[in-house]
Amino acid sequence: MSSIEIESSSADAEYVIVNTEDRGKFEKMVLISKKLYSSDIFKNKADRTKRRKLVFRLRILFDQCKFKNEEFEGAVIKSGWKDFKQWLQETNAMKLESDKDQIKLYEMMNNRKEINWSFIIGPELNENNKLLKELVDLTSKLMKEYYDESKHLGPWNSDKMGKELSDKDSHCIIIRNNINNELIGYVCFRTELNVINLEEDFLEFYVYELMIDSKYQRQRYGEYLMNICEFIAESKECDYIELTVFASNIPAIKFYRKQLDYDFDKNELDDYKSDYRILTKILS
């Protein structure tokens, strides 16, 4: 059974989300619809016009894939995009290596029915100061004390954190309570090539921040986001996942080591271990 459902995401009926029960090639589009059509970026008349045009093109794309069994990348071009790369840039999709992985990611993202999720790339946060401030404020609330006590990473600097989150290579997954839209938390990550020498390099998946508001902690939201990160990293064939934790943040260290099977990185420098620890998970 397949259908297209158009629903309002605000009082303005022009603000719509495209959903479908179909589990075929249209999943790549559905994956990003929640983020795109609920975004504060579309806040004036010109942007709403852009939104309506995009919705129309997405519906054409769905029909191409559903009724004509069109290859997805070919259908993208026939639906008005110059090429598949432009579609990815315009819709901000997280492209994985296979359709199977893309569908699996979508299913994982929707595994928690009580939340709304969104994918945001770093530069997009520069266009949404309200959201960027919300993420920085949550990080400050949870981590300012640790930064201020850190010899090597402190003191806390809101501007520096904002630049990290909005970096051109950053990706954020943001989760909210779907009843009151309250921010639950977010994870920020990048995929980076770590070059050791001319003959040796590794593809690194680096988790820069994992923040869950204190009122939502111990409800497995951190595990939910980290499992998604691990799946994305494996799909992109990264060699390992790496992250940094303040040495005094014992609950976080226990969370990563006991619940998620991370180990202390073998290349840690002794001079920094009293300040922060580097945790790594090798991917098969």
Protein backbone atom coordinates (compact mmCIF):
# COMPACT_ATOMS: atom_id res chain seq x y z
CA MET A 1 0.00 0.00 0.00
CA SER A 2 1.35 3.44 -0.95
CA SER A 3 0.10 6.96 -0.53
CA ILE A 4 1.23 10.55 -0.42
CA GLU A 5 0.04 12.46 2.59
CA ILE A 6 0.24 16.25 2.69
CA GLU A 7 0.06 17.72 6.16
CA SER A 8 0.53 21.17 7.62
CA SER A 9 3.59 21.80 9.73
CA SER A 10 2.34 25.18 10.96
CA ALA A 11 -0.73 27.38 10.83
CA ASP A 12 0.24 28.29 7.28
CA ALA A 13 -1.17 25.60 4.98
CA GLU A 14 1.63 26.28 2.49
CA TYR A 15 4.07 24.72 4.93
CA VAL A 16 3.80 21.04 4.16
CA ILE A 17 5.56 17.77 4.79
CA VAL A 18 5.53 15.01 2.21
CA ASN A 19 5.16 11.55 3.70
CA THR A 20 4.66 8.16 2.13
CA GLU A 21 4.11 4.58 3.27
CA ASP A 22 6.01 3.30 0.26
CA ARG A 23 9.34 1.67 1.19
CA GLY A 24 10.97 1.87 -2.23
CA LYS A 25 13.32 4.34 -3.84
CA PHE A 26 11.27 7.27 -2.54
CA GLU A 27 12.78 6.64 0.91
CA LYS A 28 15.74 8.88 0.07
CA MET A 29 13.37 11.78 -0.32
CA VAL A 30 11.28 11.00 2.75
CA LEU A 31 14.46 10.81 4.80
CA ILE A 32 14.97 14.55 4.59
CA SER A 33 11.40 15.84 4.31
CA LYS A 34 10.87 16.39 8.02
CA LYS A 35 13.95 18.56 8.23
CA LEU A 36 13.36 20.52 5.08
CA TYR A 37 9.70 21.39 5.38
CA SER A 38 9.71 22.27 9.07
CA SER A 39 12.80 24.48 8.77
CA ASP A 40 12.72 28.09 9.97
CA ILE A 41 14.71 28.97 6.85
CA PHE A 42 11.42 29.13 4.93
CA LYS A 43 9.93 32.12 6.73
CA ASN A 44 9.00 34.67 4.06
CA LYS A 45 6.80 34.69 0.98
CA ALA A 46 9.62 34.11 -1.50
CA ASP A 47 10.83 31.13 0.46
CA ARG A 48 7.31 29.70 0.69
CA THR A 49 7.12 29.89 -3.08
CA LYS A 50 10.40 28.00 -3.26
CA ARG A 51 8.97 25.45 -0.87
CA ARG A 52 5.83 24.90 -2.95
CA LYS A 53 7.91 24.39 -6.08
CA LEU A 54 10.11 21.90 -4.29
CA VAL A 55 7.10 19.98 -2.97
CA PHE A 56 5.69 19.83 -6.51
CA ARG A 57 8.96 18.47 -7.89
CA LEU A 58 9.19 15.91 -5.08
CA ARG A 59 5.71 14.66 -5.91
CA ILE A 60 6.67 14.28 -9.57
CA LEU A 61 9.75 12.39 -8.47
CA PHE A 62 7.64 10.07 -6.34
CA ASP A 63 5.36 9.32 -9.30
CA GLN A 64 8.38 8.62 -11.51
CA CYS A 65 9.74 6.07 -9.06
CA LYS A 66 6.45 4.50 -7.99
CA PHE A 67 4.54 4.09 -11.21
CA LYS A 68 7.30 3.82 -13.81
CA ASN A 69 9.88 1.91 -11.75
CA GLU A 70 12.37 4.59 -12.73
CA GLU A 71 15.94 4.44 -11.45
CA PHE A 72 16.14 7.03 -8.68
CA GLU A 73 18.99 9.14 -10.04
CA GLY A 74 17.40 9.25 -13.49
CA ALA A 75 14.06 10.22 -11.99
CA VAL A 76 15.71 13.08 -10.12
CA ILE A 77 16.87 14.61 -13.40
CA LYS A 78 13.51 14.09 -15.10
CA SER A 79 11.80 15.82 -12.18
CA GLY A 80 13.64 19.10 -12.66
CA TRP A 81 17.05 18.82 -11.02
CA LYS A 82 20.18 19.29 -13.12
CA ASP A 83 21.82 16.20 -11.69
CA PHE A 84 21.81 14.00 -8.60
CA LYS A 85 24.45 16.15 -6.88
CA GLN A 86 22.21 19.21 -7.15
CA TRP A 87 19.33 17.23 -5.65
CA LEU A 88 21.50 16.22 -2.71
CA GLN A 89 22.61 19.82 -2.13
CA GLU A 90 19.11 21.24 -2.41
CA THR A 91 17.43 18.69 -0.18
CA ASN A 92 20.36 18.17 2.22
CA ALA A 93 20.05 14.40 2.19
CA MET A 94 22.47 12.14 3.98
CA LYS A 95 23.51 9.95 1.04
CA LEU A 96 24.63 6.47 1.99
CA GLU A 97 26.32 3.94 -0.24
CA SER A 98 23.28 1.82 -1.05
CA ASP A 99 19.50 2.03 -1.24
CA LYS A 100 19.34 -0.71 1.39
CA ASP A 101 21.40 1.36 3.82
CA GLN A 102 19.32 4.45 3.08
CA ILE A 103 16.11 2.62 3.91
CA LYS A 104 17.65 1.13 7.05
CA LEU A 105 18.76 4.59 8.21
CA TYR A 106 15.27 5.95 7.68
CA GLU A 107 13.81 3.11 9.75
CA MET A 108 16.33 3.72 12.54
CA MET A 109 15.55 7.44 12.59
CA ASN A 110 11.84 6.73 12.98
CA ASN A 111 12.31 4.08 15.65
CA ARG A 112 11.44 6.52 18.45
CA LYS A 113 7.83 7.55 17.82
CA GLU A 114 7.83 10.22 20.52
CA ILE A 115 10.39 12.43 18.78
CA ASN A 116 10.79 14.56 15.68
CA TRP A 117 14.23 14.49 14.09
CA SER A 118 16.05 16.66 11.58
CA PHE A 119 19.31 16.59 9.64
CA ILE A 120 21.13 19.92 9.47
CA ILE A 121 24.43 20.62 7.74
CA GLY A 122 26.75 23.09 9.46
CA PRO A 123 26.47 26.08 7.09
CA GLU A 124 22.68 25.94 7.36
CA LEU A 125 23.00 26.87 11.03
CA ASN A 126 24.58 30.17 10.01
CA GLU A 127 21.27 31.00 8.33
CA ASN A 128 19.28 30.01 11.41
CA ASN A 129 20.69 31.93 14.36
CA LYS A 130 17.80 30.92 16.61
CA LEU A 131 18.52 27.21 16.19
CA LEU A 132 22.28 27.68 16.47
CA LYS A 133 21.83 29.61 19.72
CA GLU A 134 19.53 26.88 21.02
CA LEU A 135 22.18 24.22 20.40
CA VAL A 136 24.99 26.33 21.87
CA ASP A 137 22.88 27.18 24.94
CA LEU A 138 22.17 23.50 25.58
CA THR A 139 25.88 22.70 25.26
CA SER A 140 26.74 25.55 27.65
CA LYS A 141 24.16 24.33 30.15
CA LEU A 142 25.68 20.86 30.19
CA MET A 143 29.38 21.52 29.58
CA LYS A 144 30.41 25.06 30.63
CA GLU A 145 31.66 23.90 34.02
CA TYR A 146 33.84 21.21 32.43
CA TYR A 147 35.32 23.66 29.91
CA ASP A 148 36.02 26.29 32.55
CA GLU A 149 37.97 23.74 34.61
CA SER A 150 39.89 22.38 31.60
CA LYS A 151 43.56 23.26 31.30
CA HIS A 152 43.81 22.58 27.58
CA LEU A 153 40.28 23.05 26.18
CA GLY A 154 38.91 25.85 28.37
CA PRO A 155 37.53 28.21 29.19
CA TRP A 156 34.05 27.94 27.71
CA ASN A 157 33.55 30.04 24.57
CA SER A 158 30.07 30.23 23.01
CA ASP A 159 31.33 31.74 19.76
CA LYS A 160 33.91 28.99 19.33
CA MET A 161 31.26 26.33 19.92
CA GLY A 162 28.96 28.00 17.40
CA LYS A 163 31.70 27.95 14.76
CA GLU A 164 32.35 24.27 15.43
CA LEU A 165 28.69 23.34 14.97
CA SER A 166 28.28 25.49 11.84
CA ASP A 167 31.50 24.38 10.17
CA LYS A 168 31.14 23.57 6.47
CA ASP A 169 31.88 19.88 7.13
CA SER A 170 29.63 19.45 10.16
CA HIS A 171 26.41 17.45 10.21
CA CYS A 172 23.91 17.61 13.05
CA ILE A 173 21.03 15.33 13.93
CA ILE A 174 18.60 17.18 16.18
CA ILE A 175 15.79 15.51 18.12
CA ARG A 176 12.76 17.17 19.72
CA ASN A 177 9.77 16.14 21.78
CA ASN A 178 6.99 15.76 19.20
CA ILE A 179 4.35 16.99 21.67
CA ASN A 180 5.81 20.32 22.77
CA ASN A 181 8.73 20.66 20.29
CA GLU A 182 11.15 20.92 23.21
CA LEU A 183 14.78 20.27 22.30
CA ILE A 184 15.83 16.85 23.59
CA GLY A 185 19.37 16.91 22.24
CA TYR A 186 21.63 16.61 19.25
CA VAL A 187 24.76 15.00 17.88
CA CYS A 188 27.31 16.78 15.68
CA PHE A 189 29.77 14.82 13.56
CA ARG A 190 32.14 15.00 10.61
CA THR A 191 33.80 12.49 8.32
CA GLU A 192 37.50 13.31 7.92
CA LEU A 193 40.46 11.70 6.19
CA ASN A 194 43.27 11.14 8.69
CA VAL A 195 46.52 10.94 6.71
CA ILE A 196 49.32 9.20 8.61
CA ASN A 197 51.91 9.16 5.83
CA LEU A 198 52.14 8.76 2.05
CA GLU A 199 51.14 5.09 2.25
CA GLU A 200 48.72 5.06 5.15
CA ASP A 201 45.49 6.93 5.82
CA PHE A 202 42.23 6.29 7.64
CA LEU A 203 38.69 7.56 7.16
CA GLU A 204 37.62 8.90 10.53
CA PHE A 205 34.09 9.52 11.79
CA TYR A 206 34.51 12.14 14.52
CA VAL A 207 31.70 12.88 16.97
CA TYR A 208 32.25 16.46 18.05
CA GLU A 209 29.28 16.80 20.38
CA LEU A 210 26.60 14.56 21.86
CA MET A 211 24.24 16.57 24.04
CA ILE A 212 21.06 15.37 25.74
CA ASP A 213 19.16 17.78 27.99
CA SER A 214 19.33 16.66 31.61
CA LYS A 215 15.56 16.11 31.87
CA TYR A 216 15.75 13.60 28.98
CA GLN A 217 18.85 11.74 30.11
CA ARG A 218 18.73 8.03 31.02
CA GLN A 219 16.00 7.51 28.42
CA ARG A 220 18.40 6.05 25.80
CA TYR A 221 18.35 9.08 23.51
CA GLY A 222 22.15 9.24 23.56
CA GLU A 223 22.33 5.59 22.58
CA TYR A 224 19.75 6.23 19.84
CA LEU A 225 21.87 9.01 18.29
CA MET A 226 25.15 7.14 18.64
CA ASN A 227 23.72 4.01 17.02
CA ILE A 228 22.65 6.14 14.06
CA CYS A 229 26.15 7.64 13.89
CA GLU A 230 27.70 4.20 13.93
CA PHE A 231 25.43 3.01 11.13
CA ILE A 232 26.27 6.06 8.98
CA ALA A 233 29.98 5.56 9.66
CA GLU A 234 29.84 1.90 8.66
CA SER A 235 27.84 2.67 5.53
CA LYS A 236 30.43 5.26 4.51
CA GLU A 237 33.14 2.66 5.19
CA CYS A 238 34.87 4.67 7.90
CA ASP A 239 37.67 2.89 9.72
CA TYR A 240 36.75 4.06 13.20
CA ILE A 241 34.68 6.48 15.29
CA GLU A 242 36.46 8.85 17.63
CA LEU A 243 35.33 11.32 20.28
CA THR A 244 36.68 13.27 23.23
CA VAL A 245 35.34 13.25 26.81
CA PHE A 246 36.48 15.34 29.76
CA ALA A 247 38.34 13.11 32.23
CA SER A 248 36.16 14.31 35.09
CA ASN A 249 32.95 13.41 33.25
CA ILE A 250 32.84 9.89 34.63
CA PRO A 251 29.19 9.17 33.70
CA ALA A 252 29.94 9.95 30.04
CA ILE A 253 33.04 7.75 30.02
CA LYS A 254 31.05 4.87 31.53
CA PHE A 255 28.30 5.41 28.95
CA TYR A 256 30.67 5.13 25.99
CA ARG A 257 32.75 2.28 27.41
CA LYS A 258 30.10 0.07 29.01
CA GLN A 259 27.03 0.70 26.86
CA LEU A 260 28.63 1.38 23.48
CA ASP A 261 31.91 -0.61 23.69
CA TYR A 262 34.36 2.26 23.11
CA ASP A 263 37.99 1.95 24.23
CA PHE A 264 40.54 4.53 25.23
CA ASP A 265 42.55 5.46 22.15
CA LYS A 266 45.98 3.80 22.07
CA ASN A 267 47.56 7.02 20.80
CA GLU A 268 46.46 9.19 23.72
CA LEU A 269 49.19 11.41 25.13
CA ASP A 270 49.81 10.98 28.85
CA ASP A 271 50.11 14.75 29.37
CA TYR A 272 46.44 15.23 28.50
CA LYS A 273 44.81 12.24 30.17
CA SER A 274 44.11 14.13 33.38
CA ASP A 275 42.18 16.72 31.37
CA TYR A 276 40.36 14.77 28.68
CA ARG A 277 40.22 11.27 27.25
CA ILE A 278 40.02 10.15 23.63
CA LEU A 279 37.68 7.23 22.99
CA THR A 280 37.65 5.14 19.84
CA LYS A 281 35.58 2.37 18.33
CA ILE A 282 37.17 0.37 15.51
CA LEU A 283 34.70 -0.52 12.76
CA SER A 284 34.88 -3.82 10.94
